[in-house]
Structures are given as C-alpha cells and as structure tokens.
Amino acid sequence: MKASVYIATTTDGFIATPDGCVDFLDEFQQNAAPEDGDMGFSSFLSTVDLIIMGRKTWDQVVSFGEEMWPYGDRAVWIWSRSPQFVKIPDCRKKQAFVHCFPPMNMLQFAEEKGYKHAYVDGGTTIQEFQKAGCIDEYILSRIPVLLGGGISLFDNNGDVLIQKLDHVETKSFSNGIVQSHYRVING
C-alpha cells in the first residue's frame, strides 16, 4: 500500500492561515498558464484509489460545494479522533467513511480492502502519518507567498523527526509555483 502527500505550502511552510483559510492559493491557480494545466494534480489523482483526509480538511473540501468536488467517485476515508463530529452530506454517503484507526492500521485495513494507493491530505493527518512512518512520497508545491504564521505542514510539536528523501524531480510553473517530488528513503 502506497501513501502519498500532494500539497501546496507557502514558501515558509504553511498550508493555511491560522483559521484554516487557503484563499491565498486562488490567485496562483487563476494565474496558471494554459500549458501549466492543473500542475499535475489530475495526473497524480489518476494513480490514487483512496483519499485519506482529516476532519478539518473534509469540512473545508465539502464547504466548496458539489461543483468543486475534485475526487470523482473515489473512496474517501475521514480520519478523526472524534467521529461523532464528522458530517457527511447525503451525496457522499456511499463513498465517504469515518475511521479512527492509528495510521499504520488504517493503511493495513485499506490494503486488506484492495486499495493500492492512498492520497493523504490535511495538516494533522499528514503529520501523524509521517510520524508513524506511513508516507512513501511527497509532492510539495511551494507557493511564492510568506504567511509568517498559520498551520504548518511539518509541525511535530518539537519532536525531532529525521526522514531522508530521494529527490525525484522539480518543476517550476509560470505562476511562480515550484513543485518538488520526493520519495521517502526507508531504513
């Protein structure tokens, strides 16, 4: 079972403002040149058969509305320590499920269910899966913005976590975004 992160961060490493807002991304998405397309997201998503995201990310994505749903009919597992607070709209009840397994157990369960590639999304979810050694690759898109504060992608509460990465490739886009792809070196 492969687990990947595909996420945008500011140049100073934040994925959202302190209140979870990601509006700063809009300008860069709108200013992408036609040849940049969606900067590889559709291609990446075509390799994924399971989305694992945290409750806050779920709430954010659902708030964008049905017309902005980016995941098609893929299964979405919402990882939450408080499943009673997760609200699943009727239109997603056949594809979205809430789980509270530890990261390694969640991926093992997914593999038992026949899934092959999970896209892990959401700040805390990514951090917990990273700490558990469950992430196989990172595709990080650096947005040329400094927030100076907010929700950090790699906030391990002071714990030192050294994870060696193998650089696969780096691309730059006309809107200033620089995207780097890394594989985790196990061992």
N, C-alpha and C. Protein backbone atom coordinates (compact mmCIF):
# COMPACT_ATOMS: atom_id res chain seq x y z
N MET A 1 0.85 -1.18 0.00
CA MET A 1 0.00 0.00 0.00
C MET A 1 0.89 1.23 0.00
N LYS A 2 0.72 2.04 -0.99
CA LYS A 2 1.49 3.27 -1.12
C LYS A 2 0.67 4.43 -0.56
N ALA A 3 1.33 5.33 0.17
CA ALA A 3 0.68 6.53 0.70
C ALA A 3 1.46 7.75 0.27
N SER A 4 0.77 8.70 -0.34
CA SER A 4 1.40 9.90 -0.89
C SER A 4 0.76 11.17 -0.34
N VAL A 5 1.58 12.19 -0.28
CA VAL A 5 1.12 13.54 0.06
C VAL A 5 1.31 14.40 -1.18
N TYR A 6 0.28 15.13 -1.55
CA TYR A 6 0.34 16.10 -2.65
C TYR A 6 -0.29 17.37 -2.08
N ILE A 7 0.53 18.37 -1.83
CA ILE A 7 0.01 19.54 -1.10
C ILE A 7 0.78 20.80 -1.48
N ALA A 8 0.10 21.93 -1.35
CA ALA A 8 0.71 23.23 -1.56
C ALA A 8 1.07 23.83 -0.21
N THR A 9 2.24 24.43 -0.14
CA THR A 9 2.66 25.16 1.05
C THR A 9 3.19 26.52 0.63
N THR A 10 3.11 27.46 1.55
CA THR A 10 3.76 28.74 1.29
C THR A 10 5.27 28.52 1.32
N THR A 11 6.01 29.49 0.89
CA THR A 11 7.47 29.37 0.90
C THR A 11 7.99 29.16 2.31
N ASP A 12 7.27 29.68 3.31
CA ASP A 12 7.70 29.48 4.70
C ASP A 12 7.03 28.26 5.36
N GLY A 13 6.43 27.38 4.56
CA GLY A 13 6.00 26.08 5.05
C GLY A 13 4.61 25.96 5.64
N PHE A 14 3.73 26.93 5.37
CA PHE A 14 2.37 26.86 5.91
C PHE A 14 1.39 26.40 4.85
N ILE A 15 0.41 25.60 5.28
CA ILE A 15 -0.60 25.10 4.35
C ILE A 15 -1.91 25.89 4.44
N ALA A 16 -2.04 26.72 5.46
CA ALA A 16 -3.24 27.54 5.64
C ALA A 16 -2.95 28.63 6.66
N THR A 17 -3.82 29.63 6.69
CA THR A 17 -3.74 30.66 7.71
C THR A 17 -4.13 30.05 9.06
N PRO A 18 -3.93 30.76 10.17
CA PRO A 18 -4.27 30.18 11.47
C PRO A 18 -5.72 29.69 11.58
N ASP A 19 -6.65 30.31 10.84
CA ASP A 19 -8.06 29.89 10.89
C ASP A 19 -8.41 28.85 9.83
N GLY A 20 -7.40 28.33 9.12
CA GLY A 20 -7.63 27.28 8.14
C GLY A 20 -7.94 27.75 6.74
N CYS A 21 -7.88 29.04 6.50
CA CYS A 21 -8.20 29.61 5.20
C CYS A 21 -7.06 29.35 4.19
N VAL A 22 -7.45 29.00 2.96
CA VAL A 22 -6.46 28.78 1.90
C VAL A 22 -6.72 29.70 0.70
N ASP A 23 -7.39 30.81 0.94
CA ASP A 23 -7.72 31.74 -0.15
C ASP A 23 -6.49 32.26 -0.88
N PHE A 24 -5.34 32.29 -0.21
CA PHE A 24 -4.12 32.78 -0.85
C PHE A 24 -3.72 31.92 -2.06
N LEU A 25 -4.27 30.71 -2.17
CA LEU A 25 -3.97 29.84 -3.30
C LEU A 25 -4.71 30.26 -4.57
N ASP A 26 -5.86 30.91 -4.40
CA ASP A 26 -6.73 31.22 -5.54
C ASP A 26 -6.01 31.99 -6.64
N GLU A 27 -5.27 33.02 -6.26
CA GLU A 27 -4.58 33.85 -7.24
C GLU A 27 -3.63 33.02 -8.10
N PHE A 28 -2.94 32.09 -7.49
CA PHE A 28 -1.96 31.30 -8.22
C PHE A 28 -2.62 30.26 -9.12
N GLN A 29 -3.74 29.73 -8.69
CA GLN A 29 -4.49 28.80 -9.54
C GLN A 29 -5.07 29.54 -10.74
N GLN A 30 -5.57 30.75 -10.51
CA GLN A 30 -6.17 31.53 -11.58
C GLN A 30 -5.12 32.04 -12.56
N ASN A 31 -3.90 32.27 -12.09
CA ASN A 31 -2.84 32.83 -12.94
C ASN A 31 -1.95 31.78 -13.58
N ALA A 32 -2.33 30.52 -13.48
CA ALA A 32 -1.55 29.47 -14.13
C ALA A 32 -1.74 29.57 -15.64
N ALA A 33 -0.66 29.43 -16.36
CA ALA A 33 -0.73 29.47 -17.82
C ALA A 33 -1.42 28.20 -18.32
N PRO A 34 -2.07 28.28 -19.47
CA PRO A 34 -2.75 27.09 -20.01
C PRO A 34 -1.83 25.86 -20.09
N GLU A 35 -0.57 26.09 -20.45
CA GLU A 35 0.34 24.94 -20.55
C GLU A 35 0.68 24.32 -19.19
N ASP A 36 0.43 25.08 -18.11
CA ASP A 36 0.66 24.53 -16.77
C ASP A 36 -0.48 23.61 -16.34
N GLY A 37 -1.64 23.78 -16.95
CA GLY A 37 -2.80 22.96 -16.59
C GLY A 37 -3.08 23.03 -15.10
N ASP A 38 -3.30 21.88 -14.51
CA ASP A 38 -3.56 21.84 -13.06
C ASP A 38 -2.29 21.47 -12.29
N MET A 39 -1.16 21.66 -12.93
CA MET A 39 0.16 21.44 -12.33
C MET A 39 0.34 19.99 -11.86
N GLY A 40 -0.25 19.07 -12.61
CA GLY A 40 -0.03 17.65 -12.36
C GLY A 40 -1.00 16.98 -11.41
N PHE A 41 -1.98 17.75 -10.87
CA PHE A 41 -2.88 17.16 -9.88
C PHE A 41 -3.74 16.04 -10.49
N SER A 42 -4.31 16.25 -11.66
CA SER A 42 -5.15 15.22 -12.28
C SER A 42 -4.36 13.97 -12.58
N SER A 43 -3.15 14.16 -13.06
CA SER A 43 -2.28 13.02 -13.34
C SER A 43 -1.98 12.23 -12.06
N PHE A 44 -1.65 12.95 -10.99
CA PHE A 44 -1.41 12.31 -9.70
C PHE A 44 -2.67 11.58 -9.23
N LEU A 45 -3.81 12.27 -9.28
CA LEU A 45 -5.05 11.70 -8.78
C LEU A 45 -5.46 10.44 -9.55
N SER A 46 -5.06 10.36 -10.81
CA SER A 46 -5.41 9.18 -11.62
C SER A 46 -4.72 7.91 -11.10
N THR A 47 -3.69 8.07 -10.26
CA THR A 47 -2.98 6.91 -9.70
C THR A 47 -3.52 6.50 -8.34
N VAL A 48 -4.45 7.29 -7.81
CA VAL A 48 -4.95 7.13 -6.45
C VAL A 48 -6.31 6.43 -6.46
N ASP A 49 -6.50 5.47 -5.54
CA ASP A 49 -7.82 4.85 -5.42
C ASP A 49 -8.46 5.08 -4.06
N LEU A 50 -7.77 5.79 -3.16
CA LEU A 50 -8.31 6.08 -1.84
C LEU A 50 -7.78 7.43 -1.36
N ILE A 51 -8.68 8.27 -0.85
CA ILE A 51 -8.30 9.54 -0.25
C ILE A 51 -8.46 9.37 1.27
N ILE A 52 -7.41 9.74 2.01
CA ILE A 52 -7.50 9.76 3.48
C ILE A 52 -7.26 11.20 3.90
N MET A 53 -8.23 11.79 4.57
CA MET A 53 -8.08 13.18 4.99
C MET A 53 -8.64 13.35 6.40
N GLY A 54 -8.16 14.39 7.04
CA GLY A 54 -8.66 14.71 8.37
C GLY A 54 -10.00 15.41 8.32
N ARG A 55 -10.65 15.50 9.47
CA ARG A 55 -11.97 16.09 9.54
C ARG A 55 -11.98 17.56 9.12
N LYS A 56 -10.98 18.33 9.54
CA LYS A 56 -10.97 19.75 9.18
C LYS A 56 -10.81 19.93 7.67
N THR A 57 -9.97 19.11 7.06
CA THR A 57 -9.81 19.17 5.60
C THR A 57 -11.10 18.73 4.92
N TRP A 58 -11.72 17.68 5.44
CA TRP A 58 -13.01 17.22 4.92
C TRP A 58 -14.03 18.37 4.96
N ASP A 59 -14.13 19.02 6.11
CA ASP A 59 -15.09 20.12 6.25
C ASP A 59 -14.80 21.23 5.23
N GLN A 60 -13.52 21.52 5.02
CA GLN A 60 -13.12 22.56 4.06
C GLN A 60 -13.52 22.16 2.64
N VAL A 61 -13.20 20.94 2.24
CA VAL A 61 -13.49 20.48 0.88
C VAL A 61 -15.01 20.44 0.65
N VAL A 62 -15.75 19.93 1.61
CA VAL A 62 -17.21 19.86 1.47
C VAL A 62 -17.80 21.27 1.37
N SER A 63 -17.20 22.25 2.07
CA SER A 63 -17.72 23.62 2.04
C SER A 63 -17.59 24.27 0.66
N PHE A 64 -16.71 23.75 -0.19
CA PHE A 64 -16.54 24.31 -1.54
C PHE A 64 -17.75 24.02 -2.43
N GLY A 65 -18.55 23.03 -2.04
CA GLY A 65 -19.76 22.69 -2.80
C GLY A 65 -19.54 21.53 -3.75
N GLU A 66 -20.64 20.95 -4.16
CA GLU A 66 -20.64 19.77 -5.03
C GLU A 66 -19.89 20.01 -6.34
N GLU A 67 -20.07 21.21 -6.92
CA GLU A 67 -19.45 21.50 -8.22
C GLU A 67 -17.93 21.60 -8.15
N MET A 68 -17.37 21.77 -6.95
CA MET A 68 -15.92 21.88 -6.79
C MET A 68 -15.29 20.58 -6.25
N TRP A 69 -16.07 19.50 -6.14
CA TRP A 69 -15.57 18.23 -5.61
C TRP A 69 -14.49 17.68 -6.55
N PRO A 70 -13.23 17.56 -6.09
CA PRO A 70 -12.15 17.17 -7.00
C PRO A 70 -11.88 15.67 -7.11
N TYR A 71 -12.54 14.82 -6.32
CA TYR A 71 -12.11 13.43 -6.19
C TYR A 71 -12.91 12.42 -6.97
N GLY A 72 -13.87 12.86 -7.76
CA GLY A 72 -14.68 11.93 -8.53
C GLY A 72 -15.40 10.96 -7.60
N ASP A 73 -15.42 9.69 -7.99
CA ASP A 73 -16.13 8.70 -7.18
C ASP A 73 -15.19 7.87 -6.31
N ARG A 74 -13.96 8.34 -6.11
CA ARG A 74 -13.01 7.62 -5.26
C ARG A 74 -13.51 7.54 -3.82
N ALA A 75 -13.12 6.48 -3.15
CA ALA A 75 -13.43 6.35 -1.72
C ALA A 75 -12.68 7.43 -0.95
N VAL A 76 -13.36 7.99 0.04
CA VAL A 76 -12.75 8.99 0.91
C VAL A 76 -12.93 8.50 2.35
N TRP A 77 -11.81 8.35 3.04
CA TRP A 77 -11.85 7.98 4.44
C TRP A 77 -11.46 9.22 5.24
N ILE A 78 -12.33 9.59 6.16
CA ILE A 78 -12.08 10.75 7.01
C ILE A 78 -11.49 10.23 8.30
N TRP A 79 -10.26 10.65 8.57
CA TRP A 79 -9.54 10.20 9.76
C TRP A 79 -9.84 11.17 10.87
N SER A 80 -10.48 10.68 11.93
CA SER A 80 -10.88 11.58 13.01
C SER A 80 -10.88 10.86 14.35
N ARG A 81 -10.38 11.56 15.35
CA ARG A 81 -10.44 11.03 16.71
C ARG A 81 -11.81 11.27 17.34
N SER A 82 -12.61 12.10 16.67
CA SER A 82 -13.97 12.43 17.15
C SER A 82 -14.97 12.19 16.02
N PRO A 83 -15.20 10.92 15.69
CA PRO A 83 -16.07 10.62 14.54
C PRO A 83 -17.48 11.17 14.66
N GLN A 84 -17.94 11.39 15.88
CA GLN A 84 -19.30 11.92 16.08
C GLN A 84 -19.46 13.33 15.53
N PHE A 85 -18.35 14.04 15.28
CA PHE A 85 -18.43 15.41 14.77
C PHE A 85 -18.33 15.49 13.25
N VAL A 86 -18.11 14.36 12.59
CA VAL A 86 -17.99 14.36 11.13
C VAL A 86 -19.38 14.33 10.51
N LYS A 87 -19.62 15.28 9.63
CA LYS A 87 -20.89 15.34 8.92
C LYS A 87 -20.65 14.98 7.45
N ILE A 88 -21.34 13.96 7.00
CA ILE A 88 -21.20 13.50 5.61
C ILE A 88 -22.49 13.84 4.87
N PRO A 89 -22.40 14.69 3.83
CA PRO A 89 -23.60 15.03 3.07
C PRO A 89 -24.19 13.78 2.40
N ASP A 90 -25.47 13.78 2.17
CA ASP A 90 -26.14 12.64 1.55
C ASP A 90 -25.48 12.22 0.24
N CYS A 91 -25.03 13.18 -0.55
CA CYS A 91 -24.44 12.87 -1.85
C CYS A 91 -23.09 12.15 -1.74
N ARG A 92 -22.51 12.08 -0.54
CA ARG A 92 -21.21 11.42 -0.35
C ARG A 92 -21.30 10.18 0.54
N LYS A 93 -22.48 9.82 0.99
CA LYS A 93 -22.63 8.72 1.96
C LYS A 93 -22.18 7.37 1.41
N LYS A 94 -22.15 7.18 0.09
CA LYS A 94 -21.72 5.90 -0.49
C LYS A 94 -20.21 5.82 -0.67
N GLN A 95 -19.51 6.95 -0.58
CA GLN A 95 -18.08 6.93 -0.83
C GLN A 95 -17.24 7.43 0.34
N ALA A 96 -17.86 8.07 1.32
CA ALA A 96 -17.11 8.64 2.44
C ALA A 96 -17.42 7.90 3.73
N PHE A 97 -16.37 7.55 4.45
CA PHE A 97 -16.49 6.81 5.69
C PHE A 97 -15.54 7.39 6.73
N VAL A 98 -15.90 7.30 7.97
CA VAL A 98 -15.08 7.82 9.06
C VAL A 98 -14.34 6.66 9.72
N HIS A 99 -13.04 6.87 9.95
CA HIS A 99 -12.20 5.87 10.62
C HIS A 99 -11.35 6.57 11.67
N CYS A 100 -11.03 5.85 12.72
CA CYS A 100 -10.16 6.43 13.75
C CYS A 100 -9.01 5.48 14.10
N PHE A 101 -8.67 4.58 13.19
CA PHE A 101 -7.54 3.67 13.39
C PHE A 101 -6.24 4.47 13.47
N PRO A 102 -5.22 3.95 14.15
CA PRO A 102 -3.89 4.54 14.03
C PRO A 102 -3.44 4.45 12.56
N PRO A 103 -2.58 5.36 12.12
CA PRO A 103 -2.20 5.40 10.70
C PRO A 103 -1.78 4.05 10.10
N MET A 104 -0.89 3.33 10.74
CA MET A 104 -0.42 2.06 10.17
C MET A 104 -1.57 1.07 10.03
N ASN A 105 -2.43 0.99 11.04
CA ASN A 105 -3.58 0.09 10.99
C ASN A 105 -4.55 0.50 9.88
N MET A 106 -4.69 1.79 9.70
CA MET A 106 -5.60 2.28 8.66
C MET A 106 -5.12 1.85 7.28
N LEU A 107 -3.82 1.98 7.04
CA LEU A 107 -3.27 1.58 5.75
C LEU A 107 -3.34 0.07 5.57
N GLN A 108 -3.11 -0.68 6.63
CA GLN A 108 -3.24 -2.14 6.54
C GLN A 108 -4.68 -2.54 6.22
N PHE A 109 -5.63 -1.90 6.87
CA PHE A 109 -7.05 -2.15 6.60
C PHE A 109 -7.38 -1.81 5.15
N ALA A 110 -6.87 -0.70 4.67
CA ALA A 110 -7.10 -0.29 3.28
C ALA A 110 -6.55 -1.33 2.31
N GLU A 111 -5.36 -1.82 2.60
CA GLU A 111 -4.76 -2.84 1.74
C GLU A 111 -5.60 -4.12 1.74
N GLU A 112 -6.10 -4.50 2.91
CA GLU A 112 -6.98 -5.67 3.01
C GLU A 112 -8.24 -5.49 2.18
N LYS A 113 -8.69 -4.24 2.06
CA LYS A 113 -9.89 -3.93 1.27
C LYS A 113 -9.58 -3.83 -0.22
N GLY A 114 -8.29 -3.98 -0.60
CA GLY A 114 -7.92 -3.97 -2.01
C GLY A 114 -7.41 -2.66 -2.54
N TYR A 115 -7.27 -1.66 -1.69
CA TYR A 115 -6.74 -0.38 -2.15
C TYR A 115 -5.23 -0.48 -2.34
N LYS A 116 -4.72 0.31 -3.29
CA LYS A 116 -3.29 0.24 -3.62
C LYS A 116 -2.53 1.53 -3.36
N HIS A 117 -3.23 2.68 -3.51
CA HIS A 117 -2.54 3.98 -3.40
C HIS A 117 -3.44 5.00 -2.72
N ALA A 118 -3.01 5.45 -1.54
CA ALA A 118 -3.77 6.44 -0.77
C ALA A 118 -3.13 7.81 -0.91
N TYR A 119 -3.99 8.81 -1.09
CA TYR A 119 -3.59 10.21 -1.07
C TYR A 119 -3.95 10.71 0.32
N VAL A 120 -2.94 11.07 1.12
CA VAL A 120 -3.13 11.52 2.49
C VAL A 120 -3.12 13.05 2.48
N ASP A 121 -4.17 13.64 3.05
CA ASP A 121 -4.31 15.10 2.98
C ASP A 121 -4.80 15.65 4.32
N GLY A 122 -4.36 16.87 4.61
CA GLY A 122 -4.75 17.56 5.84
C GLY A 122 -3.59 17.65 6.80
N GLY A 123 -3.41 18.81 7.39
CA GLY A 123 -2.24 19.08 8.23
C GLY A 123 -1.96 18.05 9.30
N THR A 124 -2.86 17.87 10.23
CA THR A 124 -2.64 16.94 11.34
C THR A 124 -2.55 15.51 10.83
N THR A 125 -3.37 15.18 9.85
CA THR A 125 -3.36 13.82 9.30
C THR A 125 -2.01 13.51 8.68
N ILE A 126 -1.50 14.42 7.87
CA ILE A 126 -0.18 14.22 7.27
C ILE A 126 0.88 14.08 8.36
N GLN A 127 0.84 14.95 9.36
CA GLN A 127 1.84 14.90 10.44
C GLN A 127 1.80 13.56 11.17
N GLU A 128 0.61 13.07 11.48
CA GLU A 128 0.50 11.81 12.21
C GLU A 128 0.93 10.62 11.36
N PHE A 129 0.57 10.62 10.08
CA PHE A 129 1.00 9.55 9.19
C PHE A 129 2.51 9.61 8.99
N GLN A 130 3.06 10.81 8.92
CA GLN A 130 4.51 10.98 8.80
C GLN A 130 5.22 10.43 10.04
N LYS A 131 4.75 10.81 11.23
CA LYS A 131 5.36 10.34 12.47
C LYS A 131 5.32 8.82 12.57
N ALA A 132 4.27 8.22 12.03
CA ALA A 132 4.13 6.76 12.07
C ALA A 132 4.93 6.07 10.97
N GLY A 133 5.62 6.86 10.14
CA GLY A 133 6.43 6.28 9.07
C GLY A 133 5.60 5.70 7.93
N CYS A 134 4.43 6.28 7.69
CA CYS A 134 3.49 5.73 6.72
C CYS A 134 3.48 6.44 5.36
N ILE A 135 4.24 7.51 5.21
CA ILE A 135 4.24 8.25 3.94
C ILE A 135 5.38 7.74 3.06
N ASP A 136 5.05 7.43 1.80
CA ASP A 136 6.04 6.93 0.84
C ASP A 136 6.58 8.01 -0.08
N GLU A 137 5.78 9.04 -0.34
CA GLU A 137 6.25 10.10 -1.23
C GLU A 137 5.55 11.42 -0.92
N TYR A 138 6.26 12.49 -1.23
CA TYR A 138 5.74 13.84 -1.06
C TYR A 138 5.84 14.57 -2.38
N ILE A 139 4.76 15.22 -2.78
CA ILE A 139 4.78 16.15 -3.90
C ILE A 139 4.37 17.49 -3.30
N LEU A 140 5.35 18.37 -3.17
CA LEU A 140 5.17 19.64 -2.47
C LEU A 140 5.23 20.79 -3.46
N SER A 141 4.18 21.56 -3.52
CA SER A 141 4.14 22.73 -4.39
C SER A 141 4.34 23.97 -3.53
N ARG A 142 5.46 24.65 -3.74
CA ARG A 142 5.79 25.85 -2.96
C ARG A 142 5.19 27.07 -3.64
N ILE A 143 4.33 27.76 -2.89
CA ILE A 143 3.65 28.95 -3.38
C ILE A 143 4.50 30.16 -2.99
N PRO A 144 4.78 31.07 -3.92
CA PRO A 144 5.63 32.22 -3.59
C PRO A 144 4.91 33.27 -2.74
N VAL A 145 4.59 32.86 -1.51
CA VAL A 145 3.93 33.72 -0.53
C VAL A 145 4.54 33.41 0.82
N LEU A 146 4.75 34.44 1.63
CA LEU A 146 5.16 34.25 3.02
C LEU A 146 3.97 34.62 3.91
N LEU A 147 3.52 33.69 4.72
CA LEU A 147 2.42 33.97 5.65
C LEU A 147 2.93 34.44 7.01
N GLY A 148 4.07 33.91 7.42
CA GLY A 148 4.62 34.28 8.71
C GLY A 148 3.98 33.56 9.88
N GLY A 149 2.93 32.81 9.62
CA GLY A 149 2.25 32.05 10.66
C GLY A 149 1.06 31.33 10.06
N GLY A 150 0.57 30.34 10.77
CA GLY A 150 -0.57 29.59 10.28
C GLY A 150 -0.42 28.13 10.63
N ILE A 151 -1.03 27.29 9.83
CA ILE A 151 -0.96 25.85 10.03
C ILE A 151 0.23 25.32 9.26
N SER A 152 1.19 24.78 9.97
CA SER A 152 2.43 24.30 9.37
C SER A 152 2.25 22.88 8.85
N LEU A 153 2.87 22.60 7.72
CA LEU A 153 2.82 21.23 7.20
C LEU A 153 3.59 20.28 8.09
N PHE A 154 4.75 20.68 8.53
CA PHE A 154 5.60 19.79 9.32
C PHE A 154 5.78 20.31 10.73
N ASP A 155 4.73 20.31 11.51
CA ASP A 155 4.78 20.72 12.91
C ASP A 155 4.70 19.46 13.76
N ASN A 156 5.81 19.04 14.29
CA ASN A 156 5.86 17.82 15.08
C ASN A 156 5.94 18.12 16.58
N ASN A 157 5.41 19.25 16.99
CA ASN A 157 5.37 19.62 18.41
C ASN A 157 6.73 19.51 19.10
N GLY A 158 7.75 19.93 18.40
CA GLY A 158 9.08 19.92 18.99
C GLY A 158 9.82 18.61 18.86
N ASP A 159 9.12 17.54 18.44
CA ASP A 159 9.80 16.25 18.26
C ASP A 159 10.69 16.35 17.03
N VAL A 160 11.89 15.80 17.15
CA VAL A 160 12.79 15.76 16.01
C VAL A 160 12.48 14.49 15.23
N LEU A 161 12.20 14.67 13.97
CA LEU A 161 11.89 13.53 13.11
C LEU A 161 12.74 13.68 11.86
N ILE A 162 13.74 12.85 11.73
CA ILE A 162 14.59 12.90 10.55
C ILE A 162 14.09 11.85 9.57
N GLN A 163 13.72 12.32 8.40
CA GLN A 163 13.23 11.44 7.36
C GLN A 163 14.00 11.77 6.09
N LYS A 164 14.78 10.82 5.61
CA LYS A 164 15.58 11.08 4.42
C LYS A 164 14.73 10.89 3.17
N LEU A 165 14.96 11.79 2.22
CA LEU A 165 14.18 11.80 0.99
C LEU A 165 15.07 11.68 -0.23
N ASP A 166 14.56 11.04 -1.25
CA ASP A 166 15.23 10.94 -2.54
C ASP A 166 14.52 11.90 -3.49
N HIS A 167 15.24 12.86 -4.04
CA HIS A 167 14.65 13.83 -4.96
C HIS A 167 14.33 13.14 -6.29
N VAL A 168 13.08 13.21 -6.72
CA VAL A 168 12.66 12.62 -7.99
C VAL A 168 12.72 13.67 -9.09
N GLU A 169 12.08 14.82 -8.86
CA GLU A 169 12.13 15.90 -9.85
C GLU A 169 11.59 17.18 -9.24
N THR A 170 11.95 18.28 -9.87
CA THR A 170 11.41 19.59 -9.51
C THR A 170 10.98 20.29 -10.79
N LYS A 171 9.80 20.88 -10.74
CA LYS A 171 9.26 21.63 -11.88
C LYS A 171 8.93 23.03 -11.41
N SER A 172 9.05 24.00 -12.31
CA SER A 172 8.58 25.34 -11.99
C SER A 172 7.51 25.72 -12.99
N PHE A 173 6.56 26.53 -12.53
CA PHE A 173 5.43 26.91 -13.35
C PHE A 173 5.42 28.42 -13.56
N SER A 174 4.70 28.86 -14.57
CA SER A 174 4.69 30.27 -14.95
C SER A 174 4.14 31.19 -13.86
N ASN A 175 3.36 30.66 -12.94
CA ASN A 175 2.78 31.48 -11.87
C ASN A 175 3.69 31.56 -10.64
N GLY A 176 4.91 31.03 -10.76
CA GLY A 176 5.89 31.12 -9.68
C GLY A 176 5.91 29.92 -8.74
N ILE A 177 5.00 28.99 -8.91
CA ILE A 177 4.98 27.80 -8.07
C ILE A 177 6.12 26.88 -8.46
N VAL A 178 6.80 26.35 -7.46
CA VAL A 178 7.87 25.38 -7.67
C VAL A 178 7.43 24.09 -6.99
N GLN A 179 7.38 23.03 -7.76
CA GLN A 179 6.87 21.75 -7.26
C GLN A 179 7.99 20.72 -7.23
N SER A 180 8.21 20.14 -6.05
CA SER A 180 9.24 19.11 -5.89
C SER A 180 8.61 17.80 -5.48
N HIS A 181 9.11 16.74 -6.08
CA HIS A 181 8.62 15.39 -5.82
C HIS A 181 9.75 14.61 -5.14
N TYR A 182 9.44 14.01 -3.98
CA TYR A 182 10.42 13.24 -3.22
C TYR A 182 9.85 11.88 -2.86
N ARG A 183 10.70 10.87 -2.84
CA ARG A 183 10.36 9.56 -2.30
C ARG A 183 11.06 9.41 -0.96
N VAL A 184 10.36 8.81 -0.03
CA VAL A 184 10.95 8.57 1.29
C VAL A 184 11.91 7.40 1.18
N ILE A 185 13.09 7.59 1.76
CA ILE A 185 14.09 6.52 1.82
C ILE A 185 13.87 5.78 3.12
N ASN A 186 13.46 4.54 3.02
CA ASN A 186 13.23 3.72 4.22
C ASN A 186 14.53 3.12 4.69
N GLY A 187 14.66 3.01 6.02
CA GLY A 187 15.84 2.36 6.53
C GLY A 187 16.68 3.21 7.34
